[in-house]
Amino acid sequence: MSDPTTSLSNLTLAELKNLVEGIVDDRLRTLLGDPDLGAPLGESVRDRLKQSLTSTERITGDEVADKLGLRW
């Protein structure tokens, strides 16, 4: 579907499916996107992030889930 003047009636089923999936993906990204994306970090958050990134201590996803009371 490289021709921008193609009408919907000329699309194959696969092309229409790809078009709809792309539209839904774009809309979900808009609705569920991170509202804080691009916002500046506070100094305390920046310091904690730096400490976390330099630390060699790691925990598993299961440990995080347990701490937060989540179930996989």
PDB file of N, CA and C in Angstrom:
ATOM      1  N   MET A   1       0.837  -1.181   0.000  1.00  0.00           N
ATOM      2  CA  MET A   1       0.000   0.000   0.000  1.00  0.00           C
ATOM      3  C   MET A   1       0.886   1.249   0.000  1.00  0.00           C
ATOM      4  N   SER A   2       1.766   1.325  -0.951  1.00  0.00           N
ATOM      5  CA  SER A   2       2.696   2.448  -0.993  1.00  0.00           C
ATOM      6  C   SER A   2       2.095   3.672  -1.675  1.00  0.00           C
ATOM      7  N   ASP A   3       1.055   3.498  -2.456  1.00  0.00           N
ATOM      8  CA  ASP A   3       0.426   4.610  -3.157  1.00  0.00           C
ATOM      9  C   ASP A   3      -0.573   5.303  -2.226  1.00  0.00           C
ATOM     10  N   PRO A   4      -0.326   6.576  -1.865  1.00  0.00           N
ATOM     11  CA  PRO A   4      -1.208   7.260  -0.910  1.00  0.00           C
ATOM     12  C   PRO A   4      -2.611   7.526  -1.465  1.00  0.00           C
ATOM     13  N   THR A   5      -2.818   7.311  -2.762  1.00  0.00           N
ATOM     14  CA  THR A   5      -4.143   7.554  -3.336  1.00  0.00           C
ATOM     15  C   THR A   5      -4.956   6.277  -3.467  1.00  0.00           C
ATOM     16  N   THR A   6      -4.451   5.152  -2.967  1.00  0.00           N
ATOM     17  CA  THR A   6      -5.173   3.892  -3.023  1.00  0.00           C
ATOM     18  C   THR A   6      -6.445   3.995  -2.199  1.00  0.00           C
ATOM     19  N   SER A   7      -7.543   3.525  -2.758  1.00  0.00           N
ATOM     20  CA  SER A   7      -8.794   3.567  -1.994  1.00  0.00           C
ATOM     21  C   SER A   7      -8.962   2.267  -1.225  1.00  0.00           C
ATOM     22  N   LEU A   8      -9.800   2.310  -0.215  1.00  0.00           N
ATOM     23  CA  LEU A   8     -10.020   1.125   0.615  1.00  0.00           C
ATOM     24  C   LEU A   8     -10.530  -0.047  -0.205  1.00  0.00           C
ATOM     25  N   SER A   9     -11.346   0.226  -1.183  1.00  0.00           N
ATOM     26  CA  SER A   9     -11.912  -0.861  -1.986  1.00  0.00           C
ATOM     27  C   SER A   9     -10.844  -1.587  -2.801  1.00  0.00           C
ATOM     28  N   ASN A  10      -9.683  -0.977  -2.998  1.00  0.00           N
ATOM     29  CA  ASN A  10      -8.607  -1.605  -3.760  1.00  0.00           C
ATOM     30  C   ASN A  10      -7.623  -2.373  -2.887  1.00  0.00           C
ATOM     31  N   LEU A  11      -7.811  -2.333  -1.574  1.00  0.00           N
ATOM     32  CA  LEU A  11      -6.891  -3.020  -0.672  1.00  0.00           C
ATOM     33  C   LEU A  11      -7.185  -4.503  -0.624  1.00  0.00           C
ATOM     34  N   THR A  12      -6.136  -5.286  -0.485  1.00  0.00           N
ATOM     35  CA  THR A  12      -6.334  -6.705  -0.228  1.00  0.00           C
ATOM     36  C   THR A  12      -6.732  -6.858   1.240  1.00  0.00           C
ATOM     37  N   LEU A  13      -7.209  -8.018   1.592  1.00  0.00           N
ATOM     38  CA  LEU A  13      -7.588  -8.270   2.980  1.00  0.00           C
ATOM     39  C   LEU A  13      -6.383  -8.103   3.907  1.00  0.00           C
ATOM     40  N   ALA A  14      -5.215  -8.572   3.482  1.00  0.00           N
ATOM     41  CA  ALA A  14      -3.999  -8.447   4.299  1.00  0.00           C
ATOM     42  C   ALA A  14      -3.611  -6.978   4.468  1.00  0.00           C
ATOM     43  N   GLU A  15      -3.729  -6.178   3.406  1.00  0.00           N
ATOM     44  CA  GLU A  15      -3.401  -4.755   3.490  1.00  0.00           C
ATOM     45  C   GLU A  15      -4.368  -4.019   4.403  1.00  0.00           C
ATOM     46  N   LEU A  16      -5.656  -4.369   4.317  1.00  0.00           N
ATOM     47  CA  LEU A  16      -6.658  -3.751   5.186  1.00  0.00           C
ATOM     48  C   LEU A  16      -6.397  -4.118   6.645  1.00  0.00           C
ATOM     49  N   LYS A  17      -6.072  -5.381   6.877  1.00  0.00           N
ATOM     50  CA  LYS A  17      -5.767  -5.823   8.241  1.00  0.00           C
ATOM     51  C   LYS A  17      -4.571  -5.054   8.793  1.00  0.00           C
ATOM     52  N   ASN A  18      -3.517  -4.906   8.006  1.00  0.00           N
ATOM     53  CA  ASN A  18      -2.335  -4.151   8.442  1.00  0.00           C
ATOM     54  C   ASN A  18      -2.680  -2.700   8.723  1.00  0.00           C
ATOM     55  N   LEU A  19      -3.514  -2.114   7.886  1.00  0.00           N
ATOM     56  CA  LEU A  19      -3.927  -0.726   8.081  1.00  0.00           C
ATOM     57  C   LEU A  19      -4.688  -0.560   9.394  1.00  0.00           C
ATOM     58  N   VAL A  20      -5.648  -1.440   9.638  1.00  0.00           N
ATOM     59  CA  VAL A  20      -6.447  -1.365  10.870  1.00  0.00           C
ATOM     60  C   VAL A  20      -5.568  -1.596  12.093  1.00  0.00           C
ATOM     61  N   GLU A  21      -4.672  -2.573  12.026  1.00  0.00           N
ATOM     62  CA  GLU A  21      -3.767  -2.827  13.153  1.00  0.00           C
ATOM     63  C   GLU A  21      -2.910  -1.603  13.451  1.00  0.00           C
ATOM     64  N   GLY A  22      -2.428  -0.951  12.411  1.00  0.00           N
ATOM     65  CA  GLY A  22      -1.614   0.245  12.599  1.00  0.00           C
ATOM     66  C   GLY A  22      -2.409   1.371  13.242  1.00  0.00           C
ATOM     67  N   ILE A  23      -3.641   1.552  12.814  1.00  0.00           N
ATOM     68  CA  ILE A  23      -4.496   2.601  13.379  1.00  0.00           C
ATOM     69  C   ILE A  23      -4.783   2.310  14.852  1.00  0.00           C
ATOM     70  N   VAL A  24      -5.104   1.055  15.164  1.00  0.00           N
ATOM     71  CA  VAL A  24      -5.394   0.677  16.553  1.00  0.00           C
ATOM     72  C   VAL A  24      -4.143   0.848  17.413  1.00  0.00           C
ATOM     73  N   ASP A  25      -2.993   0.405  16.909  1.00  0.00           N
ATOM     74  CA  ASP A  25      -1.733   0.571  17.653  1.00  0.00           C
ATOM     75  C   ASP A  25      -1.463   2.041  17.951  1.00  0.00           C
ATOM     76  N   ASP A  26      -1.627   2.882  16.948  1.00  0.00           N
ATOM     77  CA  ASP A  26      -1.394   4.322  17.137  1.00  0.00           C
ATOM     78  C   ASP A  26      -2.340   4.899  18.178  1.00  0.00           C
ATOM     79  N   ARG A  27      -3.602   4.507  18.123  1.00  0.00           N
ATOM     80  CA  ARG A  27      -4.590   5.040  19.063  1.00  0.00           C
ATOM     81  C   ARG A  27      -4.294   4.568  20.484  1.00  0.00           C
ATOM     82  N   LEU A  28      -3.971   3.287  20.645  1.00  0.00           N
ATOM     83  CA  LEU A  28      -3.648   2.763  21.979  1.00  0.00           C
ATOM     84  C   LEU A  28      -2.413   3.452  22.543  1.00  0.00           C
ATOM     85  N   ARG A  29      -1.412   3.682  21.690  1.00  0.00           N
ATOM     86  CA  ARG A  29      -0.211   4.368  22.132  1.00  0.00           C
ATOM     87  C   ARG A  29      -0.559   5.773  22.623  1.00  0.00           C
ATOM     88  N   THR A  30      -1.490   6.425  21.931  1.00  0.00           N
ATOM     89  CA  THR A  30      -1.926   7.761  22.331  1.00  0.00           C
ATOM     90  C   THR A  30      -2.667   7.718  23.660  1.00  0.00           C
ATOM     91  N   LEU A  31      -3.575   6.760  23.806  1.00  0.00           N
ATOM     92  CA  LEU A  31      -4.395   6.675  25.019  1.00  0.00           C
ATOM     93  C   LEU A  31      -3.629   6.158  26.227  1.00  0.00           C
ATOM     94  N   LEU A  32      -2.725   5.218  26.000  1.00  0.00           N
ATOM     95  CA  LEU A  32      -2.045   4.556  27.115  1.00  0.00           C
ATOM     96  C   LEU A  32      -0.602   4.983  27.279  1.00  0.00           C
ATOM     97  N   GLY A  33      -0.162   5.913  26.468  1.00  0.00           N
ATOM     98  CA  GLY A  33       1.225   6.356  26.532  1.00  0.00           C
ATOM     99  C   GLY A  33       1.576   6.944  27.884  1.00  0.00           C
ATOM    100  N   ASP A  34       2.842   7.096  28.116  1.00  0.00           N
ATOM    101  CA  ASP A  34       3.344   7.626  29.376  1.00  0.00           C
ATOM    102  C   ASP A  34       3.142   9.143  29.412  1.00  0.00           C
ATOM    103  N   PRO A  35       2.273   9.630  30.297  1.00  0.00           N
ATOM    104  CA  PRO A  35       2.026  11.075  30.351  1.00  0.00           C
ATOM    105  C   PRO A  35       3.236  11.858  30.866  1.00  0.00           C
ATOM    106  N   ASP A  36       4.175  11.169  31.501  1.00  0.00           N
ATOM    107  CA  ASP A  36       5.362  11.834  32.038  1.00  0.00           C
ATOM    108  C   ASP A  36       6.538  11.808  31.068  1.00  0.00           C
ATOM    109  N   LEU A  37       6.338  11.205  29.904  1.00  0.00           N
ATOM    110  CA  LEU A  37       7.417  11.119  28.936  1.00  0.00           C
ATOM    111  C   LEU A  37       7.905  12.509  28.565  1.00  0.00           C
ATOM    112  N   GLY A  38       9.188  12.726  28.723  1.00  0.00           N
ATOM    113  CA  GLY A  38       9.780  14.011  28.395  1.00  0.00           C
ATOM    114  C   GLY A  38       9.778  15.017  29.538  1.00  0.00           C
ATOM    115  N   ALA A  39       9.095  14.702  30.630  1.00  0.00           N
ATOM    116  CA  ALA A  39       9.067  15.607  31.776  1.00  0.00           C
ATOM    117  C   ALA A  39      10.423  15.556  32.487  1.00  0.00           C
ATOM    118  N   PRO A  40      10.874  16.668  33.019  1.00  0.00           N
ATOM    119  CA  PRO A  40      12.166  16.665  33.708  1.00  0.00           C
ATOM    120  C   PRO A  40      12.108  15.854  35.004  1.00  0.00           C
ATOM    121  N   LEU A  41      13.232  15.194  35.334  1.00  0.00           N
ATOM    122  CA  LEU A  41      13.316  14.429  36.575  1.00  0.00           C
ATOM    123  C   LEU A  41      13.721  15.350  37.715  1.00  0.00           C
ATOM    124  N   GLY A  42      13.138  15.119  38.871  1.00  0.00           N
ATOM    125  CA  GLY A  42      13.559  15.848  40.050  1.00  0.00           C
ATOM    126  C   GLY A  42      14.948  15.403  40.458  1.00  0.00           C
ATOM    127  N   GLU A  43      15.634  16.239  41.211  1.00  0.00           N
ATOM    128  CA  GLU A  43      17.011  15.934  41.603  1.00  0.00           C
ATOM    129  C   GLU A  43      17.095  14.652  42.434  1.00  0.00           C
ATOM    130  N   SER A  44      16.135  14.441  43.349  1.00  0.00           N
ATOM    131  CA  SER A  44      16.189  13.228  44.176  1.00  0.00           C
ATOM    132  C   SER A  44      15.945  11.975  43.335  1.00  0.00           C
ATOM    133  N   VAL A  45      15.061  12.066  42.367  1.00  0.00           N
ATOM    134  CA  VAL A  45      14.815  10.923  41.487  1.00  0.00           C
ATOM    135  C   VAL A  45      16.051  10.648  40.635  1.00  0.00           C
ATOM    136  N   ARG A  46      16.665  11.697  40.140  1.00  0.00           N
ATOM    137  CA  ARG A  46      17.880  11.554  39.339  1.00  0.00           C
ATOM    138  C   ARG A  46      18.988  10.878  40.157  1.00  0.00           C
ATOM    139  N   ASP A  47      19.153  11.277  41.421  1.00  0.00           N
ATOM    140  CA  ASP A  47      20.176  10.676  42.280  1.00  0.00           C
ATOM    141  C   ASP A  47      19.895   9.196  42.533  1.00  0.00           C
ATOM    142  N   ARG A  48      18.634   8.872  42.821  1.00  0.00           N
ATOM    143  CA  ARG A  48      18.274   7.468  43.064  1.00  0.00           C
ATOM    144  C   ARG A  48      18.481   6.627  41.811  1.00  0.00           C
ATOM    145  N   LEU A  49      18.159   7.188  40.660  1.00  0.00           N
ATOM    146  CA  LEU A  49      18.360   6.469  39.407  1.00  0.00           C
ATOM    147  C   LEU A  49      19.837   6.207  39.161  1.00  0.00           C
ATOM    148  N   LYS A  50      20.680   7.200  39.401  1.00  0.00           N
ATOM    149  CA  LYS A  50      22.122   7.024  39.229  1.00  0.00           C
ATOM    150  C   LYS A  50      22.642   5.931  40.163  1.00  0.00           C
ATOM    151  N   GLN A  51      22.174   5.943  41.429  1.00  0.00           N
ATOM    152  CA  GLN A  51      22.599   4.914  42.386  1.00  0.00           C
ATOM    153  C   GLN A  51      22.163   3.536  41.910  1.00  0.00           C
ATOM    154  N   SER A  52      20.959   3.446  41.423  1.00  0.00           N
ATOM    155  CA  SER A  52      20.432   2.166  40.962  1.00  0.00           C
ATOM    156  C   SER A  52      21.225   1.640  39.775  1.00  0.00           C
ATOM    157  N   LEU A  53      21.559   2.520  38.863  1.00  0.00           N
ATOM    158  CA  LEU A  53      22.285   2.091  37.667  1.00  0.00           C
ATOM    159  C   LEU A  53      23.717   1.673  37.964  1.00  0.00           C
ATOM    160  N   THR A  54      24.326   2.247  38.990  1.00  0.00           N
ATOM    161  CA  THR A  54      25.704   1.881  39.326  1.00  0.00           C
ATOM    162  C   THR A  54      25.775   0.700  40.290  1.00  0.00           C
ATOM    163  N   SER A  55      24.664   0.341  40.897  1.00  0.00           N
ATOM    164  CA  SER A  55      24.630  -0.769  41.844  1.00  0.00           C
ATOM    165  C   SER A  55      24.754  -2.107  41.115  1.00  0.00           C
ATOM    166  N   THR A  56      25.404  -3.062  41.757  1.00  0.00           N
ATOM    167  CA  THR A  56      25.504  -4.406  41.194  1.00  0.00           C
ATOM    168  C   THR A  56      24.410  -5.317  41.747  1.00  0.00           C
ATOM    169  N   GLU A  57      23.655  -4.825  42.724  1.00  0.00           N
ATOM    170  CA  GLU A  57      22.571  -5.614  43.308  1.00  0.00           C
ATOM    171  C   GLU A  57      21.407  -5.691  42.320  1.00  0.00           C
ATOM    172  N   ARG A  58      20.923  -6.885  42.080  1.00  0.00           N
ATOM    173  CA  ARG A  58      19.810  -7.089  41.169  1.00  0.00           C
ATOM    174  C   ARG A  58      18.773  -7.983  41.822  1.00  0.00           C
ATOM    175  N   ILE A  59      17.511  -7.778  41.480  1.00  0.00           N
ATOM    176  CA  ILE A  59      16.458  -8.671  41.946  1.00  0.00           C
ATOM    177  C   ILE A  59      15.679  -9.140  40.721  1.00  0.00           C
ATOM    178  N   THR A  60      15.033 -10.271  40.860  1.00  0.00           N
ATOM    179  CA  THR A  60      14.295 -10.852  39.747  1.00  0.00           C
ATOM    180  C   THR A  60      12.901 -10.227  39.646  1.00  0.00           C
ATOM    181  N   GLY A  61      12.271 -10.451  38.535  1.00  0.00           N
ATOM    182  CA  GLY A  61      10.893  -9.993  38.349  1.00  0.00           C
ATOM    183  C   GLY A  61       9.961 -10.639  39.357  1.00  0.00           C
ATOM    184  N   ASP A  62      10.221 -11.900  39.696  1.00  0.00           N
ATOM    185  CA  ASP A  62       9.398 -12.588  40.694  1.00  0.00           C
ATOM    186  C   ASP A  62       9.517 -11.921  42.063  1.00  0.00           C
ATOM    187  N   GLU A  63      10.735 -11.492  42.416  1.00  0.00           N
ATOM    188  CA  GLU A  63      10.933 -10.813  43.701  1.00  0.00           C
ATOM    189  C   GLU A  63      10.184  -9.473  43.736  1.00  0.00           C
ATOM    190  N   VAL A  64      10.224  -8.755  42.637  1.00  0.00           N
ATOM    191  CA  VAL A  64       9.492  -7.488  42.553  1.00  0.00           C
ATOM    192  C   VAL A  64       7.995  -7.746  42.699  1.00  0.00           C
ATOM    193  N   ALA A  65       7.503  -8.768  41.993  1.00  0.00           N
ATOM    194  CA  ALA A  65       6.078  -9.105  42.070  1.00  0.00           C
ATOM    195  C   ALA A  65       5.681  -9.469  43.500  1.00  0.00           C
ATOM    196  N   ASP A  66       6.526 -10.256  44.178  1.00  0.00           N
ATOM    197  CA  ASP A  66       6.242 -10.614  45.568  1.00  0.00           C
ATOM    198  C   ASP A  66       6.176  -9.382  46.465  1.00  0.00           C
ATOM    199  N   LYS A  67       7.131  -8.469  46.302  1.00  0.00           N
ATOM    200  CA  LYS A  67       7.155  -7.247  47.121  1.00  0.00           C
ATOM    201  C   LYS A  67       5.915  -6.399  46.892  1.00  0.00           C
ATOM    202  N   LEU A  68       5.414  -6.397  45.675  1.00  0.00           N
ATOM    203  CA  LEU A  68       4.251  -5.576  45.345  1.00  0.00           C
ATOM    204  C   LEU A  68       2.928  -6.326  45.484  1.00  0.00           C
ATOM    205  N   GLY A  69       3.018  -7.612  45.847  1.00  0.00           N
ATOM    206  CA  GLY A  69       1.804  -8.410  46.017  1.00  0.00           C
ATOM    207  C   GLY A  69       1.137  -8.755  44.689  1.00  0.00           C
ATOM    208  N   LEU A  70       1.939  -8.864  43.642  1.00  0.00           N
ATOM    209  CA  LEU A  70       1.389  -9.182  42.325  1.00  0.00           C
ATOM    210  C   LEU A  70       1.519 -10.662  42.045  1.00  0.00           C
ATOM    211  N   ARG A  71       0.634 -11.162  41.204  1.00  0.00           N
ATOM    212  CA  ARG A  71       0.712 -12.564  40.773  1.00  0.00           C
ATOM    213  C   ARG A  71       0.919 -12.593  39.273  1.00  0.00           C
ATOM    214  N   TRP A  72       1.801 -13.462  38.809  1.00  0.00           N
ATOM    215  CA  TRP A  72       2.050 -13.597  37.365  1.00  0.00           C
ATOM    216  C   TRP A  72       0.980 -14.429  36.738  1.00  0.00           C
TER     217      TRP A  72
END
